[in-house]
Amino acid sequence: MIARVLGPLRVTVNGTSVVPTAVKARKLMAMLVLNRGRVVQRATIERELWDLDAPRSASTGIQNCVMWIRKGIGCAQQSGAGRAARQTLITEPTGYRLEVPGDQFDVVRHQRLVAEAAAAEARADLTEASALLNAALNLWRDAPLADVPAGPVLRAHVRRLEEDRKAVLAQRLGLDLRLHRYAEVVGELHALVALDPYDEVLHEYLMLALYLSGRRNDALTAYQQARTALSDGVGLEPSHRLRGLQKRILAGDETPAAVLQGWSGLVPEPVRA
């Protein structure tokens, strides 16, 4: 079984999709994949499928969803279909558990790459660390579970995955700045700031990338754009960090290298899997 959640839900067995078309069964499949190897409690399933309005027939509805998922898995198996399906989607006393090999689950691969990047950074191999984080980010095909209408439980999983991606991206951008790839990341940072105008870390990195590539005026313009976005959007002034960076650029009495070396907290702590 191959499972992908970093984008539209994709689950295949022997190359055949086993993702149900029915919405509730699809949501249950997503929950089972995200909790790979762990029991998903029936109460949790009810919350996702019906929120706080679970009908009296909820238990039967869940059993029907399980049956449809097992049927899809069984049809994709080459032999012993029924037994194999029950061994893949296991009934437990309090719920259901799906067995998905770790190396075939994109979230597990993502976590392993991030852990390897942290180890590479710890041994001062920043080039390798950046490449590994980039490989982890390349596993993302779209927003997590992009084709699954998430309820309260799945929404929490989606938020966590999105925050993980954001942290990994910030880490990789910080590494690229430390590797003096200033001009290479400017375009990417402009696009990211446009998508998330209230993220001060992205604004900070954009200012640094511009200034360190010799574009002092553009860096100061980027600060003004950040100030306007924060003021108009959420009614806040830039943080002390962002204002401090603007003052250092305005002063112009340090070389770009000194700004990079002396900027406290330029790069966040390595993301741990």
C-alpha atoms as a PDB file:
ATOM      1  CA  MET A   1       0.000   0.000   0.000  1.00  0.00           C
ATOM      2  CA  ILE A   2       1.225   3.454  -0.956  1.00  0.00           C
ATOM      3  CA  ALA A   3      -0.369   6.428   0.835  1.00  0.00           C
ATOM      4  CA  ARG A   4      -0.076  10.142   0.088  1.00  0.00           C
ATOM      5  CA  VAL A   5      -1.699  12.983   2.036  1.00  0.00           C
ATOM      6  CA  LEU A   6       0.634  15.894   1.158  1.00  0.00           C
ATOM      7  CA  GLY A   7      -1.771  16.973  -1.560  1.00  0.00           C
ATOM      8  CA  PRO A   8      -4.922  15.186  -2.750  1.00  0.00           C
ATOM      9  CA  LEU A   9      -5.517  11.889  -0.943  1.00  0.00           C
ATOM     10  CA  ARG A  10      -3.908   9.048  -2.855  1.00  0.00           C
ATOM     11  CA  VAL A  11      -3.911   5.444  -1.583  1.00  0.00           C
ATOM     12  CA  THR A  12      -3.020   2.606  -3.942  1.00  0.00           C
ATOM     13  CA  VAL A  13      -2.589  -1.142  -3.675  1.00  0.00           C
ATOM     14  CA  ASN A  14      -0.731  -2.857  -6.514  1.00  0.00           C
ATOM     15  CA  GLY A  15      -1.069   0.337  -8.503  1.00  0.00           C
ATOM     16  CA  THR A  16      -4.870   0.488  -8.107  1.00  0.00           C
ATOM     17  CA  SER A  17      -6.536   3.353  -6.257  1.00  0.00           C
ATOM     18  CA  VAL A  18      -8.462   2.231  -3.164  1.00  0.00           C
ATOM     19  CA  VAL A  19      -9.719   5.679  -2.142  1.00  0.00           C
ATOM     20  CA  PRO A  20     -13.518   5.532  -1.851  1.00  0.00           C
ATOM     21  CA  THR A  21     -15.676   7.956  -3.808  1.00  0.00           C
ATOM     22  CA  ALA A  22     -18.243   8.369  -0.997  1.00  0.00           C
ATOM     23  CA  VAL A  23     -17.361  11.439   1.081  1.00  0.00           C
ATOM     24  CA  LYS A  24     -17.640   9.883   4.544  1.00  0.00           C
ATOM     25  CA  ALA A  25     -15.642   6.811   3.542  1.00  0.00           C
ATOM     26  CA  ARG A  26     -13.013   9.063   1.963  1.00  0.00           C
ATOM     27  CA  LYS A  27     -12.748  11.065   5.197  1.00  0.00           C
ATOM     28  CA  LEU A  28     -12.395   7.857   7.210  1.00  0.00           C
ATOM     29  CA  MET A  29      -9.659   6.660   4.848  1.00  0.00           C
ATOM     30  CA  ALA A  30      -7.798   9.944   5.389  1.00  0.00           C
ATOM     31  CA  MET A  31      -8.060   9.592   9.177  1.00  0.00           C
ATOM     32  CA  LEU A  32      -6.804   6.013   9.062  1.00  0.00           C
ATOM     33  CA  VAL A  33      -3.826   6.948   6.880  1.00  0.00           C
ATOM     34  CA  LEU A  34      -2.874   9.930   9.044  1.00  0.00           C
ATOM     35  CA  ASN A  35      -2.970   7.695  12.132  1.00  0.00           C
ATOM     36  CA  ARG A  36      -1.006   4.914  10.424  1.00  0.00           C
ATOM     37  CA  GLY A  37      -0.534   2.002  12.821  1.00  0.00           C
ATOM     38  CA  ARG A  38      -2.611   3.639  15.573  1.00  0.00           C
ATOM     39  CA  VAL A  39      -6.217   2.997  16.541  1.00  0.00           C
ATOM     40  CA  VAL A  40      -8.699   5.645  15.427  1.00  0.00           C
ATOM     41  CA  GLN A  41     -11.366   5.694  18.097  1.00  0.00           C
ATOM     42  CA  ARG A  42     -15.014   5.350  17.047  1.00  0.00           C
ATOM     43  CA  ALA A  43     -15.887   8.535  18.938  1.00  0.00           C
ATOM     44  CA  THR A  44     -13.234  10.405  16.946  1.00  0.00           C
ATOM     45  CA  ILE A  45     -14.610   9.010  13.696  1.00  0.00           C
ATOM     46  CA  GLU A  46     -18.123  10.120  14.657  1.00  0.00           C
ATOM     47  CA  ARG A  47     -16.840  13.620  15.427  1.00  0.00           C
ATOM     48  CA  GLU A  48     -15.202  13.906  12.015  1.00  0.00           C
ATOM     49  CA  LEU A  49     -18.084  12.450  10.018  1.00  0.00           C
ATOM     50  CA  TRP A  50     -20.977  14.163  11.806  1.00  0.00           C
ATOM     51  CA  ASP A  51     -19.384  16.764  14.096  1.00  0.00           C
ATOM     52  CA  LEU A  52     -21.695  17.043  17.116  1.00  0.00           C
ATOM     53  CA  ASP A  53     -24.803  15.758  15.305  1.00  0.00           C
ATOM     54  CA  ALA A  54     -24.067  12.043  15.070  1.00  0.00           C
ATOM     55  CA  PRO A  55     -27.275  10.117  14.305  1.00  0.00           C
ATOM     56  CA  ARG A  56     -28.351   6.952  16.073  1.00  0.00           C
ATOM     57  CA  SER A  57     -27.259   5.058  12.982  1.00  0.00           C
ATOM     58  CA  ALA A  58     -23.671   6.407  13.260  1.00  0.00           C
ATOM     59  CA  SER A  59     -22.243   3.009  14.221  1.00  0.00           C
ATOM     60  CA  THR A  60     -23.830   1.385  11.175  1.00  0.00           C
ATOM     61  CA  GLY A  61     -22.603   4.240   8.982  1.00  0.00           C
ATOM     62  CA  ILE A  62     -19.028   3.742  10.191  1.00  0.00           C
ATOM     63  CA  GLN A  63     -19.246  -0.011   9.591  1.00  0.00           C
ATOM     64  CA  ASN A  64     -20.469   0.651   6.043  1.00  0.00           C
ATOM     65  CA  CYS A  65     -17.506   2.969   5.426  1.00  0.00           C
ATOM     66  CA  VAL A  66     -15.120   0.310   6.719  1.00  0.00           C
ATOM     67  CA  MET A  67     -16.772  -2.268   4.472  1.00  0.00           C
ATOM     68  CA  TRP A  68     -16.347  -0.036   1.391  1.00  0.00           C
ATOM     69  CA  ILE A  69     -12.680   0.616   2.211  1.00  0.00           C
ATOM     70  CA  ARG A  70     -12.003  -3.091   2.752  1.00  0.00           C
ATOM     71  CA  LYS A  71     -13.805  -3.934  -0.467  1.00  0.00           C
ATOM     72  CA  GLY A  72     -11.564  -1.561  -2.399  1.00  0.00           C
ATOM     73  CA  ILE A  73      -8.427  -2.986  -0.769  1.00  0.00           C
ATOM     74  CA  GLY A  74      -9.623  -6.535  -1.358  1.00  0.00           C
ATOM     75  CA  CYS A  75     -10.343  -5.943  -5.041  1.00  0.00           C
ATOM     76  CA  ALA A  76      -6.822  -4.564  -5.499  1.00  0.00           C
ATOM     77  CA  GLN A  77      -5.177  -7.546  -3.777  1.00  0.00           C
ATOM     78  CA  GLN A  78      -3.971 -10.332  -6.036  1.00  0.00           C
ATOM     79  CA  SER A  79      -4.852 -13.208  -3.714  1.00  0.00           C
ATOM     80  CA  GLY A  80      -6.640 -13.887  -0.431  1.00  0.00           C
ATOM     81  CA  ALA A  81      -8.513 -10.634  -0.893  1.00  0.00           C
ATOM     82  CA  GLY A  82     -10.927 -10.720   2.016  1.00  0.00           C
ATOM     83  CA  ARG A  83      -8.389 -11.916   4.575  1.00  0.00           C
ATOM     84  CA  ALA A  84      -5.711  -9.497   3.351  1.00  0.00           C
ATOM     85  CA  ALA A  85      -8.120  -6.573   3.532  1.00  0.00           C
ATOM     86  CA  ARG A  86      -9.016  -7.419   7.143  1.00  0.00           C
ATOM     87  CA  GLN A  87      -5.315  -7.659   7.990  1.00  0.00           C
ATOM     88  CA  THR A  88      -4.702  -4.235   6.436  1.00  0.00           C
ATOM     89  CA  LEU A  89      -7.704  -2.468   7.980  1.00  0.00           C
ATOM     90  CA  ILE A  90      -7.934  -4.050  11.408  1.00  0.00           C
ATOM     91  CA  THR A  91     -10.938  -3.915  13.737  1.00  0.00           C
ATOM     92  CA  GLU A  92      -9.912  -3.139  17.323  1.00  0.00           C
ATOM     93  CA  PRO A  93     -12.100  -3.134  20.453  1.00  0.00           C
ATOM     94  CA  THR A  94     -12.347   0.672  20.413  1.00  0.00           C
ATOM     95  CA  GLY A  95     -11.985   1.506  16.729  1.00  0.00           C
ATOM     96  CA  TYR A  96      -9.993   0.734  13.597  1.00  0.00           C
ATOM     97  CA  ARG A  97      -6.311   0.633  12.632  1.00  0.00           C
ATOM     98  CA  LEU A  98      -4.721   0.788   9.181  1.00  0.00           C
ATOM     99  CA  GLU A  99      -1.336  -0.758   8.479  1.00  0.00           C
ATOM    100  CA  VAL A 100       0.688   1.309   5.986  1.00  0.00           C
ATOM    101  CA  PRO A 101       4.441   0.644   5.520  1.00  0.00           C
ATOM    102  CA  GLY A 102       6.386   3.680   6.701  1.00  0.00           C
ATOM    103  CA  ASP A 103       8.521   3.886   3.589  1.00  0.00           C
ATOM    104  CA  GLN A 104       5.346   4.062   1.484  1.00  0.00           C
ATOM    105  CA  PHE A 105       3.784   6.979   3.412  1.00  0.00           C
ATOM    106  CA  ASP A 106       4.765  10.467   2.256  1.00  0.00           C
ATOM    107  CA  VAL A 107       4.516  12.019   5.748  1.00  0.00           C
ATOM    108  CA  VAL A 108       7.003   9.471   7.123  1.00  0.00           C
ATOM    109  CA  ARG A 109       9.372  10.127   4.207  1.00  0.00           C
ATOM    110  CA  HIS A 110       9.043  13.862   4.855  1.00  0.00           C
ATOM    111  CA  GLN A 111       9.897  13.407   8.538  1.00  0.00           C
ATOM    112  CA  ARG A 112      12.925  11.238   7.729  1.00  0.00           C
ATOM    113  CA  LEU A 113      14.307  13.799   5.295  1.00  0.00           C
ATOM    114  CA  VAL A 114      13.862  16.575   7.872  1.00  0.00           C
ATOM    115  CA  ALA A 115      15.661  14.474  10.495  1.00  0.00           C
ATOM    116  CA  GLU A 116      18.506  13.776   8.054  1.00  0.00           C
ATOM    117  CA  ALA A 117      18.715  17.506   7.307  1.00  0.00           C
ATOM    118  CA  ALA A 118      19.012  18.286  11.019  1.00  0.00           C
ATOM    119  CA  ALA A 119      21.852  15.773  11.304  1.00  0.00           C
ATOM    120  CA  ALA A 120      23.598  17.285   8.266  1.00  0.00           C
ATOM    121  CA  GLU A 121      23.292  20.772   9.736  1.00  0.00           C
ATOM    122  CA  ALA A 122      24.648  19.549  13.060  1.00  0.00           C
ATOM    123  CA  ARG A 123      27.813  18.374  11.295  1.00  0.00           C
ATOM    124  CA  ALA A 124      28.000  21.730   9.463  1.00  0.00           C
ATOM    125  CA  ASP A 125      27.112  20.315   6.046  1.00  0.00           C
ATOM    126  CA  LEU A 126      24.724  23.125   5.145  1.00  0.00           C
ATOM    127  CA  THR A 127      24.605  22.271   1.444  1.00  0.00           C
ATOM    128  CA  GLU A 128      23.416  18.748   2.183  1.00  0.00           C
ATOM    129  CA  ALA A 129      20.959  20.015   4.800  1.00  0.00           C
ATOM    130  CA  SER A 130      19.424  22.465   2.328  1.00  0.00           C
ATOM    131  CA  ALA A 131      19.143  19.759  -0.344  1.00  0.00           C
ATOM    132  CA  LEU A 132      17.448  17.367   2.068  1.00  0.00           C
ATOM    133  CA  LEU A 133      14.943  19.986   3.192  1.00  0.00           C
ATOM    134  CA  ASN A 134      14.245  20.826  -0.430  1.00  0.00           C
ATOM    135  CA  ALA A 135      13.598  17.131  -1.102  1.00  0.00           C
ATOM    136  CA  ALA A 136      11.184  17.067   1.823  1.00  0.00           C
ATOM    137  CA  LEU A 137       9.341  20.109   0.473  1.00  0.00           C
ATOM    138  CA  ASN A 138       9.159  18.543  -2.992  1.00  0.00           C
ATOM    139  CA  LEU A 139       6.985  15.771  -1.577  1.00  0.00           C
ATOM    140  CA  TRP A 140       4.181  18.309  -1.284  1.00  0.00           C
ATOM    141  CA  ARG A 141       1.878  18.213  -4.315  1.00  0.00           C
ATOM    142  CA  ASP A 142      -0.772  20.678  -3.034  1.00  0.00           C
ATOM    143  CA  ALA A 143      -2.473  21.592   0.227  1.00  0.00           C
ATOM    144  CA  PRO A 144      -2.743  18.497   2.460  1.00  0.00           C
ATOM    145  CA  LEU A 145      -5.840  16.411   1.701  1.00  0.00           C
ATOM    146  CA  ALA A 146      -6.801  18.963  -0.936  1.00  0.00           C
ATOM    147  CA  ASP A 147      -9.667  16.838  -2.287  1.00  0.00           C
ATOM    148  CA  VAL A 148     -11.119  15.753   1.083  1.00  0.00           C
ATOM    149  CA  PRO A 149     -13.810  17.973   2.689  1.00  0.00           C
ATOM    150  CA  ALA A 150     -12.270  18.096   6.163  1.00  0.00           C
ATOM    151  CA  GLY A 151     -14.320  18.087   9.342  1.00  0.00           C
ATOM    152  CA  PRO A 152     -13.069  19.183  12.786  1.00  0.00           C
ATOM    153  CA  VAL A 153     -10.638  16.295  13.277  1.00  0.00           C
ATOM    154  CA  LEU A 154      -9.070  16.383   9.824  1.00  0.00           C
ATOM    155  CA  ARG A 155      -8.828  20.181   9.941  1.00  0.00           C
ATOM    156  CA  ALA A 156      -6.563  19.862  12.987  1.00  0.00           C
ATOM    157  CA  HIS A 157      -4.341  17.401  11.106  1.00  0.00           C
ATOM    158  CA  VAL A 158      -4.239  19.702   8.072  1.00  0.00           C
ATOM    159  CA  ARG A 159      -3.228  22.688  10.215  1.00  0.00           C
ATOM    160  CA  ARG A 160      -0.434  20.675  11.808  1.00  0.00           C
ATOM    161  CA  LEU A 161       0.893  19.537   8.441  1.00  0.00           C
ATOM    162  CA  GLU A 162       0.765  23.079   7.063  1.00  0.00           C
ATOM    163  CA  GLU A 163       2.646  24.425  10.086  1.00  0.00           C
ATOM    164  CA  ASP A 164       5.264  21.690   9.667  1.00  0.00           C
ATOM    165  CA  ARG A 165       5.736  22.655   6.021  1.00  0.00           C
ATOM    166  CA  LYS A 166       6.026  26.321   6.949  1.00  0.00           C
ATOM    167  CA  ALA A 167       8.695  25.564   9.552  1.00  0.00           C
ATOM    168  CA  VAL A 168      10.695  23.406   7.125  1.00  0.00           C
ATOM    169  CA  LEU A 169      10.486  26.087   4.447  1.00  0.00           C
ATOM    170  CA  ALA A 170      11.744  28.750   6.857  1.00  0.00           C
ATOM    171  CA  GLN A 171      14.605  26.492   7.875  1.00  0.00           C
ATOM    172  CA  ARG A 172      15.609  25.865   4.259  1.00  0.00           C
ATOM    173  CA  LEU A 173      15.464  29.574   3.392  1.00  0.00           C
ATOM    174  CA  GLY A 174      17.630  30.357   6.391  1.00  0.00           C
ATOM    175  CA  LEU A 175      20.174  27.767   5.293  1.00  0.00           C
ATOM    176  CA  ASP A 176      20.222  29.211   1.786  1.00  0.00           C
ATOM    177  CA  LEU A 177      20.990  32.647   3.208  1.00  0.00           C
ATOM    178  CA  ARG A 178      23.831  31.184   5.235  1.00  0.00           C
ATOM    179  CA  LEU A 179      25.071  29.572   2.005  1.00  0.00           C
ATOM    180  CA  HIS A 180      25.111  33.056   0.379  1.00  0.00           C
ATOM    181  CA  ARG A 181      22.372  32.153  -2.093  1.00  0.00           C
ATOM    182  CA  TYR A 182      20.911  35.624  -1.749  1.00  0.00           C
ATOM    183  CA  ALA A 183      19.870  36.324  -5.321  1.00  0.00           C
ATOM    184  CA  GLU A 184      18.524  32.778  -5.778  1.00  0.00           C
ATOM    185  CA  VAL A 185      15.946  33.104  -2.999  1.00  0.00           C
ATOM    186  CA  VAL A 186      14.738  36.661  -3.688  1.00  0.00           C
ATOM    187  CA  GLY A 187      12.149  35.618  -6.270  1.00  0.00           C
ATOM    188  CA  GLU A 188      10.884  32.775  -4.098  1.00  0.00           C
ATOM    189  CA  LEU A 189      10.600  35.080  -1.090  1.00  0.00           C
ATOM    190  CA  HIS A 190       8.684  37.711  -3.085  1.00  0.00           C
ATOM    191  CA  ALA A 191       6.161  35.016  -4.073  1.00  0.00           C
ATOM    192  CA  LEU A 192       5.889  33.681  -0.513  1.00  0.00           C
ATOM    193  CA  VAL A 193       5.362  37.154   0.971  1.00  0.00           C
ATOM    194  CA  ALA A 194       2.582  37.786  -1.536  1.00  0.00           C
ATOM    195  CA  LEU A 195       0.874  34.563  -0.409  1.00  0.00           C
ATOM    196  CA  ASP A 196       1.408  35.172   3.319  1.00  0.00           C
ATOM    197  CA  PRO A 197       1.789  38.951   3.857  1.00  0.00           C
ATOM    198  CA  TYR A 198       1.566  38.719   7.661  1.00  0.00           C
ATOM    199  CA  ASP A 199       4.515  36.365   8.156  1.00  0.00           C
ATOM    200  CA  GLU A 200       7.294  38.528   9.570  1.00  0.00           C
ATOM    201  CA  VAL A 201       9.928  35.802   9.184  1.00  0.00           C
ATOM    202  CA  LEU A 202       9.377  35.836   5.423  1.00  0.00           C
ATOM    203  CA  HIS A 203       9.581  39.639   5.356  1.00  0.00           C
ATOM    204  CA  GLU A 204      12.785  39.492   7.408  1.00  0.00           C
ATOM    205  CA  TYR A 205      14.369  36.974   5.065  1.00  0.00           C
ATOM    206  CA  LEU A 206      13.329  38.985   2.017  1.00  0.00           C
ATOM    207  CA  MET A 207      14.910  42.142   3.450  1.00  0.00           C
ATOM    208  CA  LEU A 208      18.085  40.229   4.234  1.00  0.00           C
ATOM    209  CA  ALA A 209      18.235  38.558   0.824  1.00  0.00           C
ATOM    210  CA  LEU A 210      17.815  41.900  -0.944  1.00  0.00           C
ATOM    211  CA  TYR A 211      20.324  43.729   1.200  1.00  0.00           C
ATOM    212  CA  LEU A 212      22.893  40.951   1.101  1.00  0.00           C
ATOM    213  CA  SER A 213      22.669  40.843  -2.686  1.00  0.00           C
ATOM    214  CA  GLY A 214      23.469  44.564  -2.820  1.00  0.00           C
ATOM    215  CA  ARG A 215      19.922  45.887  -3.188  1.00  0.00           C
ATOM    216  CA  ARG A 216      19.752  48.191  -0.175  1.00  0.00           C
ATOM    217  CA  ASN A 217      16.941  50.407  -1.467  1.00  0.00           C
ATOM    218  CA  ASP A 218      14.842  47.396  -2.380  1.00  0.00           C
ATOM    219  CA  ALA A 219      15.378  45.991   1.110  1.00  0.00           C
ATOM    220  CA  LEU A 220      14.082  49.224   2.652  1.00  0.00           C
ATOM    221  CA  THR A 221      11.120  49.194   0.270  1.00  0.00           C
ATOM    222  CA  ALA A 222      10.384  45.620   1.364  1.00  0.00           C
ATOM    223  CA  TYR A 223      10.269  46.845   4.971  1.00  0.00           C
ATOM    224  CA  GLN A 224       7.762  49.571   4.094  1.00  0.00           C
ATOM    225  CA  GLN A 225       5.620  47.033   2.266  1.00  0.00           C
ATOM    226  CA  ALA A 226       5.732  44.746   5.295  1.00  0.00           C
ATOM    227  CA  ARG A 227       4.750  47.635   7.574  1.00  0.00           C
ATOM    228  CA  THR A 228       1.817  48.545   5.345  1.00  0.00           C
ATOM    229  CA  ALA A 229       0.617  44.937   5.079  1.00  0.00           C
ATOM    230  CA  LEU A 230       0.733  44.422   8.852  1.00  0.00           C
ATOM    231  CA  SER A 231      -0.868  47.766   9.659  1.00  0.00           C
ATOM    232  CA  ASP A 232      -3.668  47.513   7.107  1.00  0.00           C
ATOM    233  CA  GLY A 233      -4.260  43.784   7.522  1.00  0.00           C
ATOM    234  CA  VAL A 234      -4.050  43.100  11.263  1.00  0.00           C
ATOM    235  CA  GLY A 235      -3.550  46.549  12.801  1.00  0.00           C
ATOM    236  CA  LEU A 236      -0.043  45.868  14.073  1.00  0.00           C
ATOM    237  CA  GLU A 237       3.333  47.521  13.705  1.00  0.00           C
ATOM    238  CA  PRO A 238       6.359  45.439  12.657  1.00  0.00           C
ATOM    239  CA  SER A 239       8.101  43.529  15.422  1.00  0.00           C
ATOM    240  CA  HIS A 240      11.193  44.748  17.228  1.00  0.00           C
ATOM    241  CA  ARG A 241      13.287  42.332  15.134  1.00  0.00           C
ATOM    242  CA  LEU A 242      12.020  43.727  11.844  1.00  0.00           C
ATOM    243  CA  ARG A 243      12.422  47.346  12.974  1.00  0.00           C
ATOM    244  CA  GLY A 244      15.919  46.549  14.207  1.00  0.00           C
ATOM    245  CA  LEU A 245      16.894  45.096  10.848  1.00  0.00           C
ATOM    246  CA  GLN A 246      15.544  48.174   9.081  1.00  0.00           C
ATOM    247  CA  LYS A 247      17.649  50.435  11.327  1.00  0.00           C
ATOM    248  CA  ARG A 248      20.805  48.440  10.632  1.00  0.00           C
ATOM    249  CA  ILE A 249      20.191  48.656   6.892  1.00  0.00           C
ATOM    250  CA  LEU A 250      19.429  52.381   7.144  1.00  0.00           C
ATOM    251  CA  ALA A 251      22.616  53.008   9.103  1.00  0.00           C
ATOM    252  CA  GLY A 252      24.632  51.382   6.361  1.00  0.00           C
ATOM    253  CA  ASP A 253      27.740  51.240   8.521  1.00  0.00           C
ATOM    254  CA  GLU A 254      28.110  47.460   8.339  1.00  0.00           C
ATOM    255  CA  THR A 255      29.055  45.263   5.451  1.00  0.00           C
ATOM    256  CA  PRO A 256      26.446  42.775   4.279  1.00  0.00           C
ATOM    257  CA  ALA A 257      28.608  39.975   5.653  1.00  0.00           C
ATOM    258  CA  ALA A 258      28.642  41.624   9.086  1.00  0.00           C
ATOM    259  CA  VAL A 259      24.856  41.995   9.022  1.00  0.00           C
ATOM    260  CA  LEU A 260      24.480  38.304   8.216  1.00  0.00           C
ATOM    261  CA  GLN A 261      26.976  37.206  10.829  1.00  0.00           C
ATOM    262  CA  GLY A 262      25.649  39.487  13.540  1.00  0.00           C
ATOM    263  CA  TRP A 263      21.945  39.155  12.967  1.00  0.00           C
ATOM    264  CA  SER A 264      20.744  37.321  16.107  1.00  0.00           C
ATOM    265  CA  GLY A 265      18.374  34.490  15.374  1.00  0.00           C
ATOM    266  CA  LEU A 266      18.712  34.746  11.610  1.00  0.00           C
ATOM    267  CA  VAL A 267      18.106  31.032  11.218  1.00  0.00           C
ATOM    268  CA  PRO A 268      15.524  29.191  13.340  1.00  0.00           C
ATOM    269  CA  GLU A 269      16.444  26.089  15.271  1.00  0.00           C
ATOM    270  CA  PRO A 270      16.594  22.987  13.068  1.00  0.00           C
ATOM    271  CA  VAL A 271      13.181  21.409  12.640  1.00  0.00           C
ATOM    272  CA  ARG A 272      13.061  18.059  14.408  1.00  0.00           C
ATOM    273  CA  ALA A 273      11.052  15.201  12.993  1.00  0.00           C
END
